[in-house]
Amino acid sequence: MRDVVIRSRFIYSSELALVEMATVFHRHLREGHASLESIDAAQRLFQLDQQRQFWVITPVSTEIVTLAARIISGLPSHLLIRASDAIHLATARHLGLTEVWTNDRRMLEAAPAFGVTGRSV
């Protein structure tokens, strides 16, 4: 995944990514995979990347939520999707992006229903 990020000029994401990154940092600290100092450094780097607009954060608007709900209502019954993944996919579609990069199998499976191509990292 790091290679994809490094090659990218910008990373587009729903503002939901801010909460998701906080939970990732917290999980690594809780599970003992990282020290408080390394987590603090990673958080500062993430915030700096946002300030430099490397991360293009899109607010979760009513339009995006409505789009996600509409698409979900038409999904086949066997397709599992989480609300957060639907918001990310609807954000990509709303922005006119053609693909999303993730390591989440379920998000990859749902991507075509949102009109975007899922790319595995």
PDB file of N, CA and C in Angstrom:
ATOM      1  N   MET A   1       0.822  -1.187   0.000  1.00  0.00           N
ATOM      2  CA  MET A   1       0.000   0.000   0.000  1.00  0.00           C
ATOM      3  C   MET A   1       0.865   1.248   0.000  1.00  0.00           C
ATOM      4  N   ARG A   2       1.950   1.192   0.718  1.00  0.00           N
ATOM      5  CA  ARG A   2       2.834   2.357   0.803  1.00  0.00           C
ATOM      6  C   ARG A   2       3.319   2.784  -0.578  1.00  0.00           C
ATOM      7  N   ASP A   3       3.597   1.816  -1.478  1.00  0.00           N
ATOM      8  CA  ASP A   3       4.038   2.137  -2.828  1.00  0.00           C
ATOM      9  C   ASP A   3       2.975   2.921  -3.590  1.00  0.00           C
ATOM     10  N   VAL A   4       1.726   2.529  -3.436  1.00  0.00           N
ATOM     11  CA  VAL A   4       0.622   3.232  -4.098  1.00  0.00           C
ATOM     12  C   VAL A   4       0.553   4.663  -3.588  1.00  0.00           C
ATOM     13  N   VAL A   5       0.677   4.830  -2.293  1.00  0.00           N
ATOM     14  CA  VAL A   5       0.606   6.161  -1.688  1.00  0.00           C
ATOM     15  C   VAL A   5       1.758   7.026  -2.178  1.00  0.00           C
ATOM     16  N   ILE A   6       2.947   6.472  -2.210  1.00  0.00           N
ATOM     17  CA  ILE A   6       4.128   7.234  -2.624  1.00  0.00           C
ATOM     18  C   ILE A   6       4.009   7.683  -4.079  1.00  0.00           C
ATOM     19  N   ARG A   7       3.446   6.830  -4.949  1.00  0.00           N
ATOM     20  CA  ARG A   7       3.288   7.176  -6.362  1.00  0.00           C
ATOM     21  C   ARG A   7       2.161   8.176  -6.607  1.00  0.00           C
ATOM     22  N   SER A   8       1.279   8.332  -5.650  1.00  0.00           N
ATOM     23  CA  SER A   8       0.114   9.206  -5.827  1.00  0.00           C
ATOM     24  C   SER A   8       0.498  10.663  -5.606  1.00  0.00           C
ATOM     25  N   ARG A   9      -0.121  11.509  -6.370  1.00  0.00           N
ATOM     26  CA  ARG A   9       0.066  12.942  -6.156  1.00  0.00           C
ATOM     27  C   ARG A   9      -0.835  13.421  -5.028  1.00  0.00           C
ATOM     28  N   PHE A  10      -2.041  12.870  -5.003  1.00  0.00           N
ATOM     29  CA  PHE A  10      -3.016  13.192  -3.972  1.00  0.00           C
ATOM     30  C   PHE A  10      -3.707  11.907  -3.552  1.00  0.00           C
ATOM     31  N   ILE A  11      -4.217  11.896  -2.334  1.00  0.00           N
ATOM     32  CA  ILE A  11      -5.063  10.815  -1.873  1.00  0.00           C
ATOM     33  C   ILE A  11      -6.417  11.438  -1.560  1.00  0.00           C
ATOM     34  N   TYR A  12      -7.430  11.000  -2.268  1.00  0.00           N
ATOM     35  CA  TYR A  12      -8.781  11.494  -2.038  1.00  0.00           C
ATOM     36  C   TYR A  12      -9.474  10.548  -1.068  1.00  0.00           C
ATOM     37  N   SER A  13     -10.169  11.122  -0.104  1.00  0.00           N
ATOM     38  CA  SER A  13     -10.877  10.289   0.844  1.00  0.00           C
ATOM     39  C   SER A  13     -12.014  11.068   1.483  1.00  0.00           C
ATOM     40  N   SER A  14     -12.963  10.303   1.952  1.00  0.00           N
ATOM     41  CA  SER A  14     -14.020  10.854   2.786  1.00  0.00           C
ATOM     42  C   SER A  14     -13.404  11.294   4.109  1.00  0.00           C
ATOM     43  N   GLU A  15     -14.007  12.293   4.745  1.00  0.00           N
ATOM     44  CA  GLU A  15     -13.498  12.723   6.043  1.00  0.00           C
ATOM     45  C   GLU A  15     -13.601  11.615   7.088  1.00  0.00           C
ATOM     46  N   LEU A  16     -14.325  10.583   6.761  1.00  0.00           N
ATOM     47  CA  LEU A  16     -14.394   9.412   7.628  1.00  0.00           C
ATOM     48  C   LEU A  16     -12.999   8.823   7.859  1.00  0.00           C
ATOM     49  N   ALA A  17     -12.088   9.051   6.915  1.00  0.00           N
ATOM     50  CA  ALA A  17     -10.715   8.554   7.050  1.00  0.00           C
ATOM     51  C   ALA A  17     -10.014   9.136   8.271  1.00  0.00           C
ATOM     52  N   LEU A  18     -10.412  10.318   8.694  1.00  0.00           N
ATOM     53  CA  LEU A  18      -9.792  10.924   9.876  1.00  0.00           C
ATOM     54  C   LEU A  18     -10.047  10.073  11.117  1.00  0.00           C
ATOM     55  N   VAL A  19     -11.267   9.600  11.257  1.00  0.00           N
ATOM     56  CA  VAL A  19     -11.621   8.739  12.386  1.00  0.00           C
ATOM     57  C   VAL A  19     -10.978   7.366  12.212  1.00  0.00           C
ATOM     58  N   GLU A  20     -10.985   6.855  10.996  1.00  0.00           N
ATOM     59  CA  GLU A  20     -10.380   5.545  10.754  1.00  0.00           C
ATOM     60  C   GLU A  20      -8.884   5.556  11.063  1.00  0.00           C
ATOM     61  N   MET A  21      -8.187   6.614  10.692  1.00  0.00           N
ATOM     62  CA  MET A  21      -6.756   6.688  10.998  1.00  0.00           C
ATOM     63  C   MET A  21      -6.532   6.764  12.509  1.00  0.00           C
ATOM     64  N   ALA A  22      -7.371   7.518  13.194  1.00  0.00           N
ATOM     65  CA  ALA A  22      -7.243   7.601  14.658  1.00  0.00           C
ATOM     66  C   ALA A  22      -7.421   6.227  15.291  1.00  0.00           C
ATOM     67  N   THR A  23      -8.367   5.432  14.774  1.00  0.00           N
ATOM     68  CA  THR A  23      -8.573   4.099  15.339  1.00  0.00           C
ATOM     69  C   THR A  23      -7.409   3.167  15.004  1.00  0.00           C
ATOM     70  N   VAL A  24      -6.803   3.341  13.841  1.00  0.00           N
ATOM     71  CA  VAL A  24      -5.625   2.536  13.489  1.00  0.00           C
ATOM     72  C   VAL A  24      -4.479   2.854  14.445  1.00  0.00           C
ATOM     73  N   PHE A  25      -4.236   4.133  14.658  1.00  0.00           N
ATOM     74  CA  PHE A  25      -3.170   4.523  15.594  1.00  0.00           C
ATOM     75  C   PHE A  25      -3.455   3.967  16.988  1.00  0.00           C
ATOM     76  N   HIS A  26      -4.678   4.105  17.428  1.00  0.00           N
ATOM     77  CA  HIS A  26      -5.055   3.613  18.756  1.00  0.00           C
ATOM     78  C   HIS A  26      -4.886   2.099  18.852  1.00  0.00           C
ATOM     79  N   ARG A  27      -5.295   1.376  17.816  1.00  0.00           N
ATOM     80  CA  ARG A  27      -5.170  -0.089  17.837  1.00  0.00           C
ATOM     81  C   ARG A  27      -3.705  -0.513  17.950  1.00  0.00           C
ATOM     82  N   HIS A  28      -2.818   0.137  17.182  1.00  0.00           N
ATOM     83  CA  HIS A  28      -1.397  -0.213  17.244  1.00  0.00           C
ATOM     84  C   HIS A  28      -0.821   0.063  18.635  1.00  0.00           C
ATOM     85  N   LEU A  29      -1.262   1.140  19.244  1.00  0.00           N
ATOM     86  CA  LEU A  29      -0.815   1.440  20.603  1.00  0.00           C
ATOM     87  C   LEU A  29      -1.368   0.408  21.580  1.00  0.00           C
ATOM     88  N   ARG A  30      -2.665   0.141  21.496  1.00  0.00           N
ATOM     89  CA  ARG A  30      -3.335  -0.798  22.410  1.00  0.00           C
ATOM     90  C   ARG A  30      -2.732  -2.194  22.315  1.00  0.00           C
ATOM     91  N   GLU A  31      -2.428  -2.633  21.072  1.00  0.00           N
ATOM     92  CA  GLU A  31      -1.898  -3.984  20.880  1.00  0.00           C
ATOM     93  C   GLU A  31      -0.398  -4.073  21.117  1.00  0.00           C
ATOM     94  N   GLY A  32       0.227  -2.948  21.424  1.00  0.00           N
ATOM     95  CA  GLY A  32       1.655  -2.954  21.730  1.00  0.00           C
ATOM     96  C   GLY A  32       2.556  -3.030  20.510  1.00  0.00           C
ATOM     97  N   HIS A  33       2.015  -2.725  19.325  1.00  0.00           N
ATOM     98  CA  HIS A  33       2.820  -2.769  18.100  1.00  0.00           C
ATOM     99  C   HIS A  33       3.586  -1.473  17.874  1.00  0.00           C
ATOM    100  N   ALA A  34       3.262  -0.450  18.650  1.00  0.00           N
ATOM    101  CA  ALA A  34       3.927   0.840  18.499  1.00  0.00           C
ATOM    102  C   ALA A  34       3.950   1.551  19.842  1.00  0.00           C
ATOM    103  N   SER A  35       4.971   2.376  20.013  1.00  0.00           N
ATOM    104  CA  SER A  35       5.085   3.159  21.246  1.00  0.00           C
ATOM    105  C   SER A  35       4.266   4.439  21.114  1.00  0.00           C
ATOM    106  N   LEU A  36       4.006   5.067  22.239  1.00  0.00           N
ATOM    107  CA  LEU A  36       3.287   6.338  22.234  1.00  0.00           C
ATOM    108  C   LEU A  36       4.048   7.377  21.408  1.00  0.00           C
ATOM    109  N   GLU A  37       5.368   7.363  21.500  1.00  0.00           N
ATOM    110  CA  GLU A  37       6.183   8.317  20.746  1.00  0.00           C
ATOM    111  C   GLU A  37       6.041   8.097  19.243  1.00  0.00           C
ATOM    112  N   SER A  38       6.062   6.830  18.799  1.00  0.00           N
ATOM    113  CA  SER A  38       5.935   6.573  17.363  1.00  0.00           C
ATOM    114  C   SER A  38       4.527   6.878  16.860  1.00  0.00           C
ATOM    115  N   ILE A  39       3.537   6.649  17.701  1.00  0.00           N
ATOM    116  CA  ILE A  39       2.155   6.991  17.330  1.00  0.00           C
ATOM    117  C   ILE A  39       2.017   8.504  17.205  1.00  0.00           C
ATOM    118  N   ASP A  40       2.576   9.231  18.167  1.00  0.00           N
ATOM    119  CA  ASP A  40       2.524  10.697  18.104  1.00  0.00           C
ATOM    120  C   ASP A  40       3.203  11.205  16.831  1.00  0.00           C
ATOM    121  N   ALA A  41       4.330  10.614  16.483  1.00  0.00           N
ATOM    122  CA  ALA A  41       5.042  11.026  15.265  1.00  0.00           C
ATOM    123  C   ALA A  41       4.211  10.722  14.021  1.00  0.00           C
ATOM    124  N   ALA A  42       3.581   9.564  13.984  1.00  0.00           N
ATOM    125  CA  ALA A  42       2.743   9.192  12.848  1.00  0.00           C
ATOM    126  C   ALA A  42       1.535  10.124  12.734  1.00  0.00           C
ATOM    127  N   GLN A  43       0.946  10.471  13.863  1.00  0.00           N
ATOM    128  CA  GLN A  43      -0.195  11.392  13.844  1.00  0.00           C
ATOM    129  C   GLN A  43       0.225  12.774  13.352  1.00  0.00           C
ATOM    130  N   ARG A  44       1.388  13.240  13.780  1.00  0.00           N
ATOM    131  CA  ARG A  44       1.882  14.546  13.322  1.00  0.00           C
ATOM    132  C   ARG A  44       2.140  14.524  11.816  1.00  0.00           C
ATOM    133  N   LEU A  45       2.700  13.423  11.324  1.00  0.00           N
ATOM    134  CA  LEU A  45       2.957  13.291   9.889  1.00  0.00           C
ATOM    135  C   LEU A  45       1.644  13.283   9.099  1.00  0.00           C
ATOM    136  N   PHE A  46       0.655  12.569   9.606  1.00  0.00           N
ATOM    137  CA  PHE A  46      -0.666  12.529   8.958  1.00  0.00           C
ATOM    138  C   PHE A  46      -1.275  13.936   8.928  1.00  0.00           C
ATOM    139  N   GLN A  47      -1.179  14.657  10.021  1.00  0.00           N
ATOM    140  CA  GLN A  47      -1.707  16.026  10.073  1.00  0.00           C
ATOM    141  C   GLN A  47      -0.943  16.954   9.128  1.00  0.00           C
ATOM    142  N   LEU A  48       0.366  16.779   9.052  1.00  0.00           N
ATOM    143  CA  LEU A  48       1.177  17.578   8.128  1.00  0.00           C
ATOM    144  C   LEU A  48       0.788  17.287   6.684  1.00  0.00           C
ATOM    145  N   ASP A  49       0.588  16.025   6.363  1.00  0.00           N
ATOM    146  CA  ASP A  49       0.150  15.654   5.014  1.00  0.00           C
ATOM    147  C   ASP A  49      -1.190  16.304   4.677  1.00  0.00           C
ATOM    148  N   GLN A  50      -2.074  16.406   5.658  1.00  0.00           N
ATOM    149  CA  GLN A  50      -3.357  17.077   5.431  1.00  0.00           C
ATOM    150  C   GLN A  50      -3.146  18.564   5.194  1.00  0.00           C
ATOM    151  N   GLN A  51      -2.290  19.187   5.990  1.00  0.00           N
ATOM    152  CA  GLN A  51      -2.018  20.616   5.821  1.00  0.00           C
ATOM    153  C   GLN A  51      -1.407  20.909   4.458  1.00  0.00           C
ATOM    154  N   ARG A  52      -0.580  20.013   3.978  1.00  0.00           N
ATOM    155  CA  ARG A  52       0.055  20.167   2.660  1.00  0.00           C
ATOM    156  C   ARG A  52      -0.886  19.768   1.531  1.00  0.00           C
ATOM    157  N   GLN A  53      -2.070  19.361   1.902  1.00  0.00           N
ATOM    158  CA  GLN A  53      -3.124  18.942   0.977  1.00  0.00           C
ATOM    159  C   GLN A  53      -2.717  17.736   0.127  1.00  0.00           C
ATOM    160  N   PHE A  54      -1.854  16.890   0.691  1.00  0.00           N
ATOM    161  CA  PHE A  54      -1.569  15.608   0.061  1.00  0.00           C
ATOM    162  C   PHE A  54      -2.819  14.733   0.166  1.00  0.00           C
ATOM    163  N   TRP A  55      -3.487  14.825   1.306  1.00  0.00           N
ATOM    164  CA  TRP A  55      -4.786  14.178   1.504  1.00  0.00           C
ATOM    165  C   TRP A  55      -5.859  15.189   1.126  1.00  0.00           C
ATOM    166  N   VAL A  56      -6.697  14.842   0.198  1.00  0.00           N
ATOM    167  CA  VAL A  56      -7.831  15.684  -0.168  1.00  0.00           C
ATOM    168  C   VAL A  56      -9.041  15.086   0.543  1.00  0.00           C
ATOM    169  N   ILE A  57      -9.441  15.733   1.607  1.00  0.00           N
ATOM    170  CA  ILE A  57     -10.507  15.220   2.467  1.00  0.00           C
ATOM    171  C   ILE A  57     -11.842  15.832   2.035  1.00  0.00           C
ATOM    172  N   THR A  58     -12.790  14.965   1.730  1.00  0.00           N
ATOM    173  CA  THR A  58     -14.114  15.397   1.295  1.00  0.00           C
ATOM    174  C   THR A  58     -15.111  15.229   2.437  1.00  0.00           C
ATOM    175  N   PRO A  59     -15.819  16.290   2.785  1.00  0.00           N
ATOM    176  CA  PRO A  59     -16.829  16.176   3.848  1.00  0.00           C
ATOM    177  C   PRO A  59     -17.908  15.155   3.482  1.00  0.00           C
ATOM    178  N   VAL A  60     -18.412  14.500   4.503  1.00  0.00           N
ATOM    179  CA  VAL A  60     -19.528  13.570   4.311  1.00  0.00           C
ATOM    180  C   VAL A  60     -20.797  14.411   4.240  1.00  0.00           C
ATOM    181  N   SER A  61     -21.258  14.651   3.033  1.00  0.00           N
ATOM    182  CA  SER A  61     -22.424  15.498   2.813  1.00  0.00           C
ATOM    183  C   SER A  61     -23.704  14.670   2.759  1.00  0.00           C
ATOM    184  N   THR A  62     -24.816  15.351   2.858  1.00  0.00           N
ATOM    185  CA  THR A  62     -26.116  14.691   2.695  1.00  0.00           C
ATOM    186  C   THR A  62     -26.203  14.041   1.327  1.00  0.00           C
ATOM    187  N   GLU A  63     -25.647  14.690   0.328  1.00  0.00           N
ATOM    188  CA  GLU A  63     -25.667  14.138  -1.033  1.00  0.00           C
ATOM    189  C   GLU A  63     -24.934  12.794  -1.099  1.00  0.00           C
ATOM    190  N   ILE A  64     -23.785  12.708  -0.449  1.00  0.00           N
ATOM    191  CA  ILE A  64     -23.011  11.459  -0.449  1.00  0.00           C
ATOM    192  C   ILE A  64     -23.734  10.373   0.338  1.00  0.00           C
ATOM    193  N   VAL A  65     -24.267  10.732   1.484  1.00  0.00           N
ATOM    194  CA  VAL A  65     -24.999   9.755   2.298  1.00  0.00           C
ATOM    195  C   VAL A  65     -26.224   9.248   1.542  1.00  0.00           C
ATOM    196  N   THR A  66     -26.939  10.139   0.887  1.00  0.00           N
ATOM    197  CA  THR A  66     -28.118   9.753   0.113  1.00  0.00           C
ATOM    198  C   THR A  66     -27.732   8.841  -1.049  1.00  0.00           C
ATOM    199  N   LEU A  67     -26.636   9.165  -1.728  1.00  0.00           N
ATOM    200  CA  LEU A  67     -26.150   8.320  -2.823  1.00  0.00           C
ATOM    201  C   LEU A  67     -25.802   6.930  -2.305  1.00  0.00           C
ATOM    202  N   ALA A  68     -25.086   6.863  -1.188  1.00  0.00           N
ATOM    203  CA  ALA A  68     -24.716   5.565  -0.609  1.00  0.00           C
ATOM    204  C   ALA A  68     -25.951   4.747  -0.267  1.00  0.00           C
ATOM    205  N   ALA A  69     -26.928   5.373   0.368  1.00  0.00           N
ATOM    206  CA  ALA A  69     -28.155   4.657   0.755  1.00  0.00           C
ATOM    207  C   ALA A  69     -28.912   4.159  -0.471  1.00  0.00           C
ATOM    208  N   ARG A  70     -28.963   4.981  -1.508  1.00  0.00           N
ATOM    209  CA  ARG A  70     -29.667   4.583  -2.732  1.00  0.00           C
ATOM    210  C   ARG A  70     -28.995   3.374  -3.388  1.00  0.00           C
ATOM    211  N   ILE A  71     -27.691   3.406  -3.457  1.00  0.00           N
ATOM    212  CA  ILE A  71     -26.963   2.290  -4.076  1.00  0.00           C
ATOM    213  C   ILE A  71     -27.107   1.029  -3.232  1.00  0.00           C
ATOM    214  N   ILE A  72     -26.976   1.169  -1.923  1.00  0.00           N
ATOM    215  CA  ILE A  72     -27.115   0.013  -1.032  1.00  0.00           C
ATOM    216  C   ILE A  72     -28.484  -0.636  -1.198  1.00  0.00           C
ATOM    217  N   SER A  73     -29.514   0.166  -1.364  1.00  0.00           N
ATOM    218  CA  SER A  73     -30.873  -0.402  -1.484  1.00  0.00           C
ATOM    219  C   SER A  73     -31.025  -1.255  -2.736  1.00  0.00           C
ATOM    220  N   GLY A  74     -30.147  -1.086  -3.706  1.00  0.00           N
ATOM    221  CA  GLY A  74     -30.220  -1.882  -4.915  1.00  0.00           C
ATOM    222  C   GLY A  74     -29.203  -3.003  -5.005  1.00  0.00           C
ATOM    223  N   LEU A  75     -28.443  -3.213  -3.942  1.00  0.00           N
ATOM    224  CA  LEU A  75     -27.414  -4.263  -3.968  1.00  0.00           C
ATOM    225  C   LEU A  75     -28.042  -5.650  -3.884  1.00  0.00           C
ATOM    226  N   PRO A  76     -27.405  -6.626  -4.517  1.00  0.00           N
ATOM    227  CA  PRO A  76     -27.887  -8.004  -4.357  1.00  0.00           C
ATOM    228  C   PRO A  76     -27.752  -8.442  -2.900  1.00  0.00           C
ATOM    229  N   SER A  77     -28.607  -9.327  -2.472  1.00  0.00           N
ATOM    230  CA  SER A  77     -28.667  -9.719  -1.057  1.00  0.00           C
ATOM    231  C   SER A  77     -27.398 -10.409  -0.567  1.00  0.00           C
ATOM    232  N   HIS A  78     -26.633 -11.027  -1.451  1.00  0.00           N
ATOM    233  CA  HIS A  78     -25.422 -11.740  -1.017  1.00  0.00           C
ATOM    234  C   HIS A  78     -24.231 -10.810  -0.776  1.00  0.00           C
ATOM    235  N   LEU A  79     -24.319  -9.563  -1.223  1.00  0.00           N
ATOM    236  CA  LEU A  79     -23.198  -8.637  -1.111  1.00  0.00           C
ATOM    237  C   LEU A  79     -23.223  -7.939   0.249  1.00  0.00           C
ATOM    238  N   LEU A  80     -22.161  -8.123   1.012  1.00  0.00           N
ATOM    239  CA  LEU A  80     -22.064  -7.498   2.332  1.00  0.00           C
ATOM    240  C   LEU A  80     -21.297  -6.194   2.204  1.00  0.00           C
ATOM    241  N   ILE A  81     -21.824  -5.130   2.777  1.00  0.00           N
ATOM    242  CA  ILE A  81     -21.112  -3.852   2.774  1.00  0.00           C
ATOM    243  C   ILE A  81     -21.313  -3.156   4.111  1.00  0.00           C
ATOM    244  N   ARG A  82     -20.246  -2.592   4.611  1.00  0.00           N
ATOM    245  CA  ARG A  82     -20.309  -1.809   5.840  1.00  0.00           C
ATOM    246  C   ARG A  82     -20.650  -0.366   5.483  1.00  0.00           C
ATOM    247  N   ALA A  83     -21.269   0.323   6.416  1.00  0.00           N
ATOM    248  CA  ALA A  83     -21.650   1.720   6.189  1.00  0.00           C
ATOM    249  C   ALA A  83     -20.434   2.574   5.846  1.00  0.00           C
ATOM    250  N   SER A  84     -19.343   2.369   6.562  1.00  0.00           N
ATOM    251  CA  SER A  84     -18.152   3.189   6.306  1.00  0.00           C
ATOM    252  C   SER A  84     -17.600   2.955   4.904  1.00  0.00           C
ATOM    253  N   ASP A  85     -17.600   1.712   4.452  1.00  0.00           N
ATOM    254  CA  ASP A  85     -17.130   1.420   3.093  1.00  0.00           C
ATOM    255  C   ASP A  85     -18.054   2.048   2.057  1.00  0.00           C
ATOM    256  N   ALA A  86     -19.343   2.004   2.321  1.00  0.00           N
ATOM    257  CA  ALA A  86     -20.307   2.610   1.393  1.00  0.00           C
ATOM    258  C   ALA A  86     -20.080   4.112   1.293  1.00  0.00           C
ATOM    259  N   ILE A  87     -19.764   4.758   2.405  1.00  0.00           N
ATOM    260  CA  ILE A  87     -19.489   6.196   2.386  1.00  0.00           C
ATOM    261  C   ILE A  87     -18.239   6.476   1.554  1.00  0.00           C
ATOM    262  N   HIS A  88     -17.191   5.688   1.740  1.00  0.00           N
ATOM    263  CA  HIS A  88     -15.970   5.880   0.945  1.00  0.00           C
ATOM    264  C   HIS A  88     -16.248   5.673  -0.544  1.00  0.00           C
ATOM    265  N   LEU A  89     -16.978   4.623  -0.874  1.00  0.00           N
ATOM    266  CA  LEU A  89     -17.275   4.344  -2.281  1.00  0.00           C
ATOM    267  C   LEU A  89     -18.180   5.407  -2.892  1.00  0.00           C
ATOM    268  N   ALA A  90     -19.163   5.851  -2.148  1.00  0.00           N
ATOM    269  CA  ALA A  90     -20.049   6.912  -2.644  1.00  0.00           C
ATOM    270  C   ALA A  90     -19.272   8.227  -2.797  1.00  0.00           C
ATOM    271  N   THR A  91     -18.321   8.470  -1.912  1.00  0.00           N
ATOM    272  CA  THR A  91     -17.481   9.662  -2.031  1.00  0.00           C
ATOM    273  C   THR A  91     -16.669   9.603  -3.314  1.00  0.00           C
ATOM    274  N   ALA A  92     -16.085   8.453  -3.594  1.00  0.00           N
ATOM    275  CA  ALA A  92     -15.307   8.296  -4.833  1.00  0.00           C
ATOM    276  C   ALA A  92     -16.191   8.560  -6.054  1.00  0.00           C
ATOM    277  N   ARG A  93     -17.363   7.982  -6.054  1.00  0.00           N
ATOM    278  CA  ARG A  93     -18.278   8.198  -7.183  1.00  0.00           C
ATOM    279  C   ARG A  93     -18.679   9.674  -7.284  1.00  0.00           C
ATOM    280  N   HIS A  94     -18.995  10.281  -6.158  1.00  0.00           N
ATOM    281  CA  HIS A  94     -19.379  11.688  -6.117  1.00  0.00           C
ATOM    282  C   HIS A  94     -18.276  12.582  -6.698  1.00  0.00           C
ATOM    283  N   LEU A  95     -17.026  12.233  -6.419  1.00  0.00           N
ATOM    284  CA  LEU A  95     -15.891  13.012  -6.903  1.00  0.00           C
ATOM    285  C   LEU A  95     -15.539  12.709  -8.357  1.00  0.00           C
ATOM    286  N   GLY A  96     -16.187  11.686  -8.927  1.00  0.00           N
ATOM    287  CA  GLY A  96     -15.890  11.311 -10.304  1.00  0.00           C
ATOM    288  C   GLY A  96     -14.625  10.490 -10.445  1.00  0.00           C
ATOM    289  N   LEU A  97     -14.189   9.876  -9.350  1.00  0.00           N
ATOM    290  CA  LEU A  97     -13.001   9.020  -9.403  1.00  0.00           C
ATOM    291  C   LEU A  97     -13.374   7.707 -10.072  1.00  0.00           C
ATOM    292  N   THR A  98     -12.420   7.092 -10.731  1.00  0.00           N
ATOM    293  CA  THR A  98     -12.703   5.849 -11.440  1.00  0.00           C
ATOM    294  C   THR A  98     -12.279   4.606 -10.676  1.00  0.00           C
ATOM    295  N   GLU A  99     -11.434   4.781  -9.657  1.00  0.00           N
ATOM    296  CA  GLU A  99     -10.994   3.617  -8.899  1.00  0.00           C
ATOM    297  C   GLU A  99     -10.730   3.981  -7.444  1.00  0.00           C
ATOM    298  N   VAL A 100     -10.790   2.951  -6.614  1.00  0.00           N
ATOM    299  CA  VAL A 100     -10.445   3.070  -5.205  1.00  0.00           C
ATOM    300  C   VAL A 100      -9.417   1.995  -4.882  1.00  0.00           C
ATOM    301  N   TRP A 101      -8.515   2.314  -3.986  1.00  0.00           N
ATOM    302  CA  TRP A 101      -7.477   1.378  -3.566  1.00  0.00           C
ATOM    303  C   TRP A 101      -7.732   0.996  -2.119  1.00  0.00           C
ATOM    304  N   THR A 102      -7.790  -0.300  -1.862  1.00  0.00           N
ATOM    305  CA  THR A 102      -8.049  -0.778  -0.510  1.00  0.00           C
ATOM    306  C   THR A 102      -7.535  -2.208  -0.370  1.00  0.00           C
ATOM    307  N   ASN A 103      -7.365  -2.633   0.854  1.00  0.00           N
ATOM    308  CA  ASN A 103      -7.055  -4.041   1.105  1.00  0.00           C
ATOM    309  C   ASN A 103      -8.263  -4.754   1.706  1.00  0.00           C
ATOM    310  N   ASP A 104      -9.401  -4.081   1.691  1.00  0.00           N
ATOM    311  CA  ASP A 104     -10.631  -4.639   2.252  1.00  0.00           C
ATOM    312  C   ASP A 104     -11.389  -5.411   1.167  1.00  0.00           C
ATOM    313  N   ARG A 105     -11.469  -6.718   1.329  1.00  0.00           N
ATOM    314  CA  ARG A 105     -12.107  -7.589   0.331  1.00  0.00           C
ATOM    315  C   ARG A 105     -13.555  -7.200   0.068  1.00  0.00           C
ATOM    316  N   ARG A 106     -14.289  -6.895   1.102  1.00  0.00           N
ATOM    317  CA  ARG A 106     -15.714  -6.566   0.922  1.00  0.00           C
ATOM    318  C   ARG A 106     -15.900  -5.248   0.188  1.00  0.00           C
ATOM    319  N   MET A 107     -15.035  -4.293   0.479  1.00  0.00           N
ATOM    320  CA  MET A 107     -15.110  -3.020  -0.228  1.00  0.00           C
ATOM    321  C   MET A 107     -14.768  -3.221  -1.704  1.00  0.00           C
ATOM    322  N   LEU A 108     -13.783  -4.060  -1.975  1.00  0.00           N
ATOM    323  CA  LEU A 108     -13.430  -4.377  -3.365  1.00  0.00           C
ATOM    324  C   LEU A 108     -14.603  -5.020  -4.105  1.00  0.00           C
ATOM    325  N   GLU A 109     -15.301  -5.932  -3.435  1.00  0.00           N
ATOM    326  CA  GLU A 109     -16.445  -6.612  -4.060  1.00  0.00           C
ATOM    327  C   GLU A 109     -17.598  -5.651  -4.335  1.00  0.00           C
ATOM    328  N   ALA A 110     -17.770  -4.656  -3.478  1.00  0.00           N
ATOM    329  CA  ALA A 110     -18.885  -3.714  -3.633  1.00  0.00           C
ATOM    330  C   ALA A 110     -18.573  -2.573  -4.589  1.00  0.00           C
ATOM    331  N   ALA A 111     -17.315  -2.320  -4.855  1.00  0.00           N
ATOM    332  CA  ALA A 111     -16.917  -1.165  -5.667  1.00  0.00           C
ATOM    333  C   ALA A 111     -17.658  -1.053  -7.001  1.00  0.00           C
ATOM    334  N   PRO A 112     -17.783  -2.130  -7.781  1.00  0.00           N
ATOM    335  CA  PRO A 112     -18.479  -1.993  -9.068  1.00  0.00           C
ATOM    336  C   PRO A 112     -19.921  -1.500  -8.945  1.00  0.00           C
ATOM    337  N   ALA A 113     -20.584  -1.862  -7.879  1.00  0.00           N
ATOM    338  CA  ALA A 113     -21.967  -1.404  -7.683  1.00  0.00           C
ATOM    339  C   ALA A 113     -22.026   0.116  -7.493  1.00  0.00           C
ATOM    340  N   PHE A 114     -20.920   0.704  -7.086  1.00  0.00           N
ATOM    341  CA  PHE A 114     -20.837   2.147  -6.900  1.00  0.00           C
ATOM    342  C   PHE A 114     -20.242   2.849  -8.116  1.00  0.00           C
ATOM    343  N   GLY A 115     -19.984   2.069  -9.158  1.00  0.00           N
ATOM    344  CA  GLY A 115     -19.466   2.654 -10.397  1.00  0.00           C
ATOM    345  C   GLY A 115     -17.989   2.958 -10.391  1.00  0.00           C
ATOM    346  N   VAL A 116     -17.250   2.308  -9.486  1.00  0.00           N
ATOM    347  CA  VAL A 116     -15.805   2.501  -9.438  1.00  0.00           C
ATOM    348  C   VAL A 116     -15.124   1.133  -9.470  1.00  0.00           C
ATOM    349  N   THR A 117     -13.888   1.133  -9.893  1.00  0.00           N
ATOM    350  CA  THR A 117     -13.100  -0.098  -9.929  1.00  0.00           C
ATOM    351  C   THR A 117     -12.314  -0.212  -8.632  1.00  0.00           C
ATOM    352  N   GLY A 118     -12.404  -1.358  -8.000  1.00  0.00           N
ATOM    353  CA  GLY A 118     -11.639  -1.606  -6.784  1.00  0.00           C
ATOM    354  C   GLY A 118     -10.267  -2.155  -7.134  1.00  0.00           C
ATOM    355  N   ARG A 119      -9.251  -1.576  -6.561  1.00  0.00           N
ATOM    356  CA  ARG A 119      -7.867  -2.026  -6.758  1.00  0.00           C
ATOM    357  C   ARG A 119      -7.324  -2.499  -5.417  1.00  0.00           C
ATOM    358  N   SER A 120      -6.754  -3.669  -5.416  1.00  0.00           N
ATOM    359  CA  SER A 120      -6.227  -4.244  -4.190  1.00  0.00           C
ATOM    360  C   SER A 120      -4.799  -3.769  -3.922  1.00  0.00           C
ATOM    361  N   VAL A 121      -4.563  -3.419  -2.667  1.00  0.00           N
ATOM    362  CA  VAL A 121      -3.204  -3.048  -2.267  1.00  0.00           C
ATOM    363  C   VAL A 121      -2.677  -4.060  -1.282  1.00  0.00           C
TER     364      VAL A 121
END
